[in-house]
Protein backbone atom coordinates (compact mmCIF):
# COMPACT_ATOMS: atom_id res chain seq x y z
CA CYS A 1 9.99 5.48 1.94
CA GLY A 2 9.96 7.82 -1.02
CA PRO A 3 11.73 11.14 -0.55
CA VAL A 4 10.66 11.39 3.12
CA PRO A 5 12.20 8.61 5.23
CA THR A 6 10.71 7.83 8.62
CA PRO A 7 13.19 8.40 11.48
CA GLY A 8 13.95 5.27 13.48
CA TRP A 9 12.89 2.92 10.67
CA LEU A 10 14.86 1.03 8.04
CA ASN A 11 13.63 2.95 5.00
CA VAL A 12 13.42 0.96 1.76
CA ASP A 13 12.64 2.33 -1.69
CA GLY A 14 13.15 1.39 -5.32
CA VAL A 15 14.74 4.69 -6.36
CA ALA A 16 14.77 7.32 -3.60
CA ALA A 17 18.28 8.36 -2.65
CA GLU A 18 16.99 9.07 0.87
CA ALA A 19 16.36 5.35 1.49
CA ASP A 20 18.60 3.27 3.73
CA LEU A 21 18.17 0.36 1.32
CA ILE A 22 17.53 0.69 -2.42
CA GLN A 23 15.50 -2.34 -3.50
CA VAL A 24 14.59 -3.72 -6.89
CA PHE A 25 11.06 -4.92 -6.18
CA GLY A 26 10.55 -8.46 -7.38
CA ARG A 27 13.95 -9.50 -6.09
CA PRO A 28 14.36 -10.78 -2.52
CA LEU A 29 14.82 -8.08 0.09
CA ASP A 30 18.42 -7.96 1.28
CA LEU A 31 17.28 -8.77 4.81
CA PRO A 32 17.40 -11.94 6.90
CA ASP A 33 14.36 -14.11 7.57
CA GLY A 34 12.28 -13.05 10.57
CA CYS A 35 14.22 -9.84 11.23
CA ALA A 36 11.27 -7.42 11.38
CA ALA A 37 8.56 -6.93 13.99
CA MET A 38 6.55 -4.76 11.60
CA VAL A 39 6.48 -3.52 8.03
CA PHE A 40 4.76 -0.36 6.85
CA CYS A 41 4.07 -0.20 3.11
CA GLU A 42 2.12 2.85 1.91
CA HIS A 43 1.25 3.36 -1.76
CA VAL A 44 3.91 1.01 -3.12
CA LEU A 45 2.13 -2.15 -4.28
CA GLU A 46 0.20 -0.35 -7.04
CA HIS A 47 3.55 0.61 -8.62
CA VAL A 48 4.61 -2.98 -9.36
CA ASP A 49 3.35 -5.51 -11.89
CA TYR A 50 0.67 -7.97 -10.85
CA PRO A 51 0.77 -10.83 -10.24
CA ASP A 52 4.47 -11.71 -10.39
CA VAL A 53 6.22 -8.76 -8.75
CA ALA A 54 3.37 -7.97 -6.37
CA ARG A 55 3.24 -11.57 -5.12
CA SER A 56 7.00 -11.72 -4.81
CA LEU A 57 7.07 -8.52 -2.76
CA VAL A 58 4.26 -9.61 -0.43
CA ALA A 59 5.84 -13.05 0.02
CA ASP A 60 9.19 -11.46 0.84
CA VAL A 61 7.62 -9.13 3.38
CA TYR A 62 6.09 -12.24 4.97
CA ARG A 63 9.54 -13.86 5.01
CA VAL A 64 11.25 -10.97 6.80
CA LEU A 65 8.52 -10.63 9.43
CA ARG A 66 8.98 -12.63 12.58
CA PRO A 67 6.06 -14.70 13.92
CA GLY A 68 3.48 -12.27 15.28
CA GLY A 69 4.85 -9.53 13.01
CA VAL A 70 2.42 -7.06 11.49
CA LEU A 71 2.23 -5.68 7.96
CA ARG A 72 0.32 -2.44 7.41
CA LEU A 73 -0.39 -2.14 3.70
CA ILE A 74 -2.00 0.87 2.01
CA VAL A 75 -2.92 1.17 -1.67
CA PRO A 76 -5.32 3.31 -3.70
CA ASP A 77 -8.85 1.90 -3.33
CA ALA A 78 -9.98 1.08 -6.88
CA GLU A 79 -13.42 -0.04 -5.75
CA ARG A 80 -14.07 3.27 -4.00
CA ALA A 81 -13.00 5.24 -7.07
CA MET A 82 -15.16 3.14 -9.38
CA ARG A 83 -18.20 3.46 -7.13
CA ALA A 84 -17.74 7.23 -6.92
CA TYR A 85 -17.47 7.40 -10.71
CA ALA A 86 -20.48 5.12 -11.34
CA ASP A 87 -22.60 7.00 -8.80
CA ASN A 88 -21.38 10.39 -10.06
CA ASP A 89 -20.53 11.20 -6.44
CA THR A 90 -18.92 14.56 -7.18
CA ASP A 91 -18.15 15.23 -3.50
CA LEU A 92 -16.15 12.01 -3.17
CA LEU A 93 -14.55 12.42 -6.59
CA THR A 94 -13.33 15.87 -5.52
CA GLN A 95 -11.90 14.37 -2.31
CA LEU A 96 -10.16 11.59 -4.23
CA ALA A 97 -8.32 13.91 -6.62
CA PRO A 98 -9.02 17.60 -5.93
CA SER A 99 -6.90 18.87 -8.83
CA GLU A 100 -8.80 16.92 -11.50
CA LYS A 101 -11.74 18.55 -13.30
CA THR A 102 -13.89 15.68 -14.60
CA PRO A 103 -14.89 12.30 -13.11
CA ILE A 104 -12.89 10.33 -15.69
CA GLU A 105 -9.79 12.43 -14.93
CA VAL A 106 -10.17 11.46 -11.26
CA VAL A 107 -10.36 7.78 -12.20
CA ASN A 108 -7.29 8.08 -14.43
CA LYS A 109 -5.37 9.94 -11.72
CA ILE A 110 -6.01 7.12 -9.25
CA PHE A 111 -5.58 4.22 -11.68
CA ARG A 112 -2.75 5.54 -13.81
CA GLU A 113 -1.02 8.32 -11.85
CA GLY A 114 0.69 9.56 -14.98
CA GLY A 115 1.81 6.04 -15.91
CA PHE A 116 3.34 5.22 -12.52
CA HIS A 117 0.53 2.94 -11.34
CA ARG A 118 0.68 -0.59 -12.72
CA PHE A 119 -2.27 -2.27 -11.00
CA ALA A 120 -5.52 -1.30 -9.28
CA TRP A 121 -6.44 -3.02 -6.02
CA ASP A 122 -9.64 -3.72 -4.13
CA TYR A 123 -9.87 -5.25 -0.67
CA THR A 124 -11.04 -8.66 -1.89
CA LEU A 125 -7.97 -9.22 -4.07
CA LEU A 126 -5.57 -7.61 -1.58
CA ALA A 127 -6.78 -9.88 1.24
CA ALA A 128 -6.59 -12.95 -1.02
CA GLU A 129 -2.99 -12.13 -1.98
CA LEU A 130 -2.01 -11.59 1.65
CA ARG A 131 -3.50 -14.97 2.60
CA LEU A 132 -1.78 -16.61 -0.40
CA ALA A 133 1.54 -15.30 0.95
CA GLY A 134 0.84 -17.01 4.28
CA PHE A 135 -0.75 -14.33 6.43
CA ALA A 136 -3.37 -16.01 8.63
CA GLU A 137 -5.03 -12.88 9.95
CA VAL A 138 -5.99 -10.13 7.52
CA ARG A 139 -8.29 -7.23 8.29
CA ARG A 140 -9.56 -4.18 6.50
CA ALA A 141 -8.33 -1.19 8.43
CA ALA A 142 -8.87 2.56 8.40
CA PHE A 143 -6.68 5.64 8.59
CA ARG A 144 -4.33 5.35 11.57
CA ASP A 145 -6.22 2.56 13.29
CA SER A 146 -3.37 0.07 13.46
CA THR A 147 -3.32 -2.44 16.28
CA VAL A 148 0.35 -1.47 16.69
CA ALA A 149 0.91 2.14 17.77
CA GLU A 150 4.19 2.44 15.84
CA LEU A 151 2.35 1.66 12.59
CA ASN A 152 -0.03 4.61 12.91
CA ILE A 153 2.14 6.70 10.59
CA ASP A 154 -0.16 6.86 7.55
CA LEU A 155 0.33 10.01 5.51
CA ASP A 156 -2.05 12.62 6.89
CA GLU A 157 -3.16 14.27 3.67
CA PRO A 158 -6.91 14.59 2.86
CA GLY A 159 -6.66 13.41 -0.77
CA ARG A 160 -4.49 10.45 0.19
CA ILE A 161 -6.79 9.46 3.04
CA ALA A 162 -9.86 9.62 0.79
CA GLN A 163 -8.35 7.41 -1.90
CA SER A 164 -6.61 4.86 0.32
CA LEU A 165 -7.47 1.27 1.12
CA TYR A 166 -5.92 0.24 4.44
CA ALA A 167 -5.20 -3.37 5.42
CA GLU A 168 -3.27 -5.14 8.14
CA ALA A 169 -1.99 -8.67 8.22
CA ILE A 170 -0.33 -10.70 10.96
CA LYS A 171 2.19 -13.48 10.44
CA ARG A 172 1.51 -16.47 12.65
């Protein structure tokens, strides 16, 4: 949840004091199997090591979802950033990281985030990891286009929207 918990949700974070549950990612969530109808995970997965911790976290989210449960997962879109850099798309680069001055600074902002980002994701790998965890249905999504109204809570910030890769997965 970071420093801004969502009212009405069980807010989980690795360090934020505002969370209802402080979680060491890579260890099982302190929640029972099948207890959640939905999980919203925005800009978290890029902060953990791949493959071990990332796979563990995705598998545990699968475990706590009940059948038919939906995961909305948002990460920085590495492919989009690389394409913008390779194409010298200055308009998109400015959208991705408005405070950065040069194209390579934009790429580093997205990929490294001052050392806080541990892994860069594209849709192909993200979908493969979701399927590996057991999710049968995985789709590339867009800003606030969840199939579940309660999951349309993506952070409404232009830079974040521009740099985000949105995905949804359903547990069957």
